[in-house]
Amino acid sequence: DTLDLAQNTIGDDTREFVVPAGHFFMMGDNRDNSSDSRFQVGYVPADYLVGRANIIFFSIAGGYSPLMFWKWPTEVRGSRILNFVH
């Protein structure tokens, strides 16, 4: 199951991609509003990877920017803060 914030958007029904050897396909966790390999980013060369995500530092719901600090009391996902990535 995925969260579908809007019907019939450009992110719906993503086509099949063939990723070249030595590259990675990146996809954001907000599929309706992510600048990822489907759109602007393209395929990312393996040489560009410099580390691995180990921990979720901060997470905010509702599609709000973390800079909108006035939304934190109701939109911060407290259960995700400082969680290790498996």
N, C-alpha and C. Protein backbone atom coordinates (compact mmCIF):
# COMPACT_ATOMS: atom_id res chain seq x y z
N ASP A 1 0.84 -1.19 0.00
CA ASP A 1 0.00 0.00 0.00
C ASP A 1 0.88 1.24 0.00
N THR A 2 0.46 2.25 -0.74
CA THR A 2 1.17 3.52 -0.76
C THR A 2 0.19 4.65 -0.50
N LEU A 3 0.69 5.75 0.02
CA LEU A 3 -0.10 6.94 0.24
C LEU A 3 -0.20 7.67 -1.09
N ASP A 4 -1.41 7.92 -1.54
CA ASP A 4 -1.64 8.63 -2.80
C ASP A 4 -2.29 9.96 -2.47
N LEU A 5 -1.49 11.02 -2.42
CA LEU A 5 -1.99 12.33 -2.02
C LEU A 5 -2.85 13.00 -3.08
N ALA A 6 -2.62 12.67 -4.33
CA ALA A 6 -3.39 13.26 -5.42
C ALA A 6 -3.57 12.22 -6.52
N GLN A 7 -4.72 12.23 -7.13
CA GLN A 7 -5.04 11.28 -8.19
C GLN A 7 -4.47 11.74 -9.53
N ASN A 8 -4.01 10.77 -10.34
CA ASN A 8 -3.58 11.01 -11.72
C ASN A 8 -2.47 12.05 -11.83
N THR A 9 -1.45 11.93 -10.97
CA THR A 9 -0.31 12.84 -11.06
C THR A 9 0.79 12.19 -11.89
N ILE A 10 1.81 12.95 -12.19
CA ILE A 10 2.93 12.45 -12.99
C ILE A 10 3.65 11.28 -12.31
N GLY A 11 3.56 11.20 -10.98
CA GLY A 11 4.21 10.13 -10.24
C GLY A 11 3.44 8.82 -10.22
N ASP A 12 2.19 8.84 -10.67
CA ASP A 12 1.38 7.62 -10.73
C ASP A 12 1.79 6.79 -11.94
N ASP A 13 1.65 5.47 -11.81
CA ASP A 13 1.93 4.54 -12.92
C ASP A 13 3.31 4.77 -13.53
N THR A 14 4.33 4.72 -12.68
CA THR A 14 5.70 4.93 -13.14
C THR A 14 6.09 3.86 -14.14
N ARG A 15 6.71 4.28 -15.21
CA ARG A 15 7.15 3.35 -16.26
C ARG A 15 8.30 2.49 -15.75
N GLU A 16 8.67 1.47 -16.50
CA GLU A 16 9.80 0.62 -16.16
C GLU A 16 11.09 1.30 -16.57
N PHE A 17 12.10 1.24 -15.71
CA PHE A 17 13.41 1.84 -15.98
C PHE A 17 14.46 0.75 -16.08
N VAL A 18 15.41 0.93 -16.97
CA VAL A 18 16.57 0.04 -17.07
C VAL A 18 17.76 0.85 -16.58
N VAL A 19 18.30 0.43 -15.44
CA VAL A 19 19.38 1.18 -14.79
C VAL A 19 20.72 0.68 -15.34
N PRO A 20 21.55 1.60 -15.85
CA PRO A 20 22.85 1.19 -16.38
C PRO A 20 23.75 0.60 -15.29
N ALA A 21 24.63 -0.29 -15.69
CA ALA A 21 25.59 -0.87 -14.75
C ALA A 21 26.39 0.25 -14.09
N GLY A 22 26.67 0.07 -12.80
CA GLY A 22 27.45 1.07 -12.07
C GLY A 22 26.65 2.28 -11.62
N HIS A 23 25.34 2.21 -11.73
CA HIS A 23 24.47 3.31 -11.33
C HIS A 23 23.37 2.80 -10.40
N PHE A 24 22.73 3.74 -9.72
CA PHE A 24 21.62 3.41 -8.83
C PHE A 24 20.40 4.24 -9.19
N PHE A 25 19.23 3.67 -8.96
CA PHE A 25 17.96 4.35 -9.14
C PHE A 25 17.51 4.82 -7.77
N MET A 26 17.32 6.11 -7.61
CA MET A 26 16.93 6.69 -6.34
C MET A 26 15.46 7.07 -6.38
N MET A 27 14.74 6.70 -5.30
CA MET A 27 13.33 7.07 -5.22
C MET A 27 13.04 7.59 -3.83
N GLY A 28 12.42 8.76 -3.78
CA GLY A 28 12.08 9.37 -2.50
C GLY A 28 10.94 8.64 -1.81
N ASP A 29 10.82 8.84 -0.52
CA ASP A 29 9.77 8.16 0.23
C ASP A 29 8.43 8.89 0.14
N ASN A 30 8.41 10.03 -0.51
CA ASN A 30 7.17 10.77 -0.74
C ASN A 30 6.92 10.73 -2.25
N ARG A 31 6.40 9.61 -2.72
CA ARG A 31 6.34 9.35 -4.16
C ARG A 31 5.56 10.39 -4.95
N ASP A 32 4.60 11.09 -4.34
CA ASP A 32 3.85 12.12 -5.05
C ASP A 32 4.57 13.46 -5.10
N ASN A 33 5.66 13.59 -4.34
CA ASN A 33 6.33 14.88 -4.26
C ASN A 33 7.83 14.70 -4.02
N SER A 34 8.47 13.88 -4.84
CA SER A 34 9.91 13.63 -4.68
C SER A 34 10.66 13.96 -5.96
N SER A 35 11.76 14.65 -5.82
CA SER A 35 12.66 14.87 -6.95
C SER A 35 13.64 13.71 -6.94
N ASP A 36 13.34 12.66 -7.68
CA ASP A 36 14.15 11.45 -7.63
C ASP A 36 14.53 11.00 -9.04
N SER A 37 14.97 9.76 -9.18
CA SER A 37 15.44 9.25 -10.47
C SER A 37 14.35 9.22 -11.53
N ARG A 38 13.10 9.22 -11.14
CA ARG A 38 12.00 9.24 -12.11
C ARG A 38 11.92 10.57 -12.84
N PHE A 39 12.41 11.62 -12.22
CA PHE A 39 12.23 12.96 -12.77
C PHE A 39 13.56 13.70 -12.93
N GLN A 40 13.92 14.56 -11.99
CA GLN A 40 15.07 15.45 -12.16
C GLN A 40 16.43 14.79 -11.93
N VAL A 41 16.52 13.85 -11.02
CA VAL A 41 17.83 13.35 -10.59
C VAL A 41 18.48 12.42 -11.62
N GLY A 42 17.73 11.54 -12.22
CA GLY A 42 18.29 10.56 -13.14
C GLY A 42 19.01 9.46 -12.37
N TYR A 43 19.80 8.69 -13.08
CA TYR A 43 20.55 7.59 -12.45
C TYR A 43 21.79 8.16 -11.76
N VAL A 44 22.08 7.65 -10.58
CA VAL A 44 23.19 8.17 -9.79
C VAL A 44 24.38 7.21 -9.91
N PRO A 45 25.54 7.71 -10.37
CA PRO A 45 26.72 6.86 -10.48
C PRO A 45 27.16 6.33 -9.10
N ALA A 46 27.59 5.09 -9.05
CA ALA A 46 28.03 4.47 -7.79
C ALA A 46 29.15 5.30 -7.14
N ASP A 47 29.98 5.94 -7.95
CA ASP A 47 31.07 6.76 -7.43
C ASP A 47 30.58 7.94 -6.60
N TYR A 48 29.32 8.34 -6.77
CA TYR A 48 28.77 9.48 -6.04
C TYR A 48 28.32 9.10 -4.63
N LEU A 49 28.20 7.81 -4.37
CA LEU A 49 27.76 7.37 -3.04
C LEU A 49 28.93 7.43 -2.08
N VAL A 50 28.72 8.12 -0.96
CA VAL A 50 29.82 8.31 -0.02
C VAL A 50 29.55 7.70 1.35
N GLY A 51 28.37 7.16 1.55
CA GLY A 51 28.06 6.59 2.85
C GLY A 51 26.75 5.85 2.82
N ARG A 52 26.33 5.42 3.98
CA ARG A 52 25.09 4.67 4.12
C ARG A 52 24.26 5.34 5.20
N ALA A 53 22.95 5.41 4.96
CA ALA A 53 22.05 5.94 5.99
C ALA A 53 21.98 4.95 7.14
N ASN A 54 22.22 5.40 8.34
CA ASN A 54 22.18 4.53 9.51
C ASN A 54 21.08 4.89 10.50
N ILE A 55 20.63 6.14 10.47
CA ILE A 55 19.66 6.59 11.46
C ILE A 55 18.74 7.65 10.87
N ILE A 56 17.48 7.61 11.27
CA ILE A 56 16.53 8.67 10.90
C ILE A 56 16.64 9.73 11.99
N PHE A 57 17.12 10.88 11.62
CA PHE A 57 17.33 11.94 12.60
C PHE A 57 16.03 12.69 12.92
N PHE A 58 15.24 12.98 11.88
CA PHE A 58 14.07 13.82 12.03
C PHE A 58 13.06 13.45 10.96
N SER A 59 11.78 13.47 11.29
CA SER A 59 10.74 13.16 10.32
C SER A 59 9.50 13.99 10.61
N ILE A 60 8.97 14.61 9.55
CA ILE A 60 7.78 15.44 9.71
C ILE A 60 6.75 14.99 8.68
N ALA A 61 5.50 14.91 9.10
CA ALA A 61 4.41 14.44 8.25
C ALA A 61 3.77 15.59 7.49
N GLY A 62 2.78 15.26 6.69
CA GLY A 62 1.96 16.28 6.04
C GLY A 62 2.60 17.00 4.89
N GLY A 63 3.80 16.58 4.46
CA GLY A 63 4.46 17.24 3.35
C GLY A 63 5.03 18.60 3.70
N TYR A 64 5.09 18.91 4.98
CA TYR A 64 5.61 20.20 5.41
C TYR A 64 7.13 20.19 5.44
N SER A 65 7.70 21.34 5.25
CA SER A 65 9.14 21.50 5.37
C SER A 65 9.52 21.49 6.84
N PRO A 66 10.67 20.87 7.18
CA PRO A 66 11.14 20.93 8.57
C PRO A 66 11.40 22.36 9.04
N LEU A 67 11.54 23.29 8.08
CA LEU A 67 11.76 24.69 8.45
C LEU A 67 10.49 25.34 8.98
N MET A 68 9.34 24.70 8.75
CA MET A 68 8.07 25.22 9.26
C MET A 68 7.89 24.74 10.70
N PHE A 69 8.73 25.26 11.57
CA PHE A 69 8.80 24.78 12.96
C PHE A 69 7.48 24.93 13.71
N TRP A 70 6.63 25.84 13.28
CA TRP A 70 5.33 26.00 13.94
C TRP A 70 4.41 24.80 13.71
N LYS A 71 4.76 23.92 12.73
CA LYS A 71 3.98 22.70 12.48
C LYS A 71 4.49 21.53 13.32
N TRP A 72 5.65 21.67 13.93
CA TRP A 72 6.25 20.55 14.67
C TRP A 72 5.34 19.94 15.74
N PRO A 73 4.64 20.74 16.53
CA PRO A 73 3.84 20.11 17.60
C PRO A 73 2.83 19.08 17.10
N THR A 74 2.31 19.28 15.90
CA THR A 74 1.30 18.34 15.39
C THR A 74 1.81 17.44 14.28
N GLU A 75 2.90 17.79 13.64
CA GLU A 75 3.34 17.04 12.45
C GLU A 75 4.64 16.24 12.61
N VAL A 76 5.40 16.46 13.66
CA VAL A 76 6.63 15.68 13.86
C VAL A 76 6.25 14.23 14.16
N ARG A 77 6.92 13.31 13.49
CA ARG A 77 6.70 11.88 13.71
C ARG A 77 7.66 11.41 14.79
N GLY A 78 7.25 11.56 16.04
CA GLY A 78 8.11 11.23 17.17
C GLY A 78 8.57 9.79 17.18
N SER A 79 7.75 8.89 16.66
CA SER A 79 8.12 7.47 16.65
C SER A 79 9.26 7.16 15.69
N ARG A 80 9.57 8.08 14.78
CA ARG A 80 10.66 7.85 13.82
C ARG A 80 11.98 8.51 14.22
N ILE A 81 11.93 9.47 15.10
CA ILE A 81 13.13 10.23 15.44
C ILE A 81 14.17 9.32 16.11
N LEU A 82 15.38 9.40 15.61
CA LEU A 82 16.54 8.64 16.09
C LEU A 82 16.35 7.14 15.98
N ASN A 83 15.59 6.66 14.98
CA ASN A 83 15.45 5.23 14.72
C ASN A 83 16.57 4.77 13.79
N PHE A 84 17.09 3.60 14.05
CA PHE A 84 18.10 3.01 13.18
C PHE A 84 17.48 2.46 11.91
N VAL A 85 18.18 2.62 10.79
CA VAL A 85 17.76 2.09 9.50
C VAL A 85 18.28 0.66 9.38
N HIS A 86 17.42 -0.25 9.03
CA HIS A 86 17.82 -1.67 8.89
C HIS A 86 18.15 -2.00 7.45
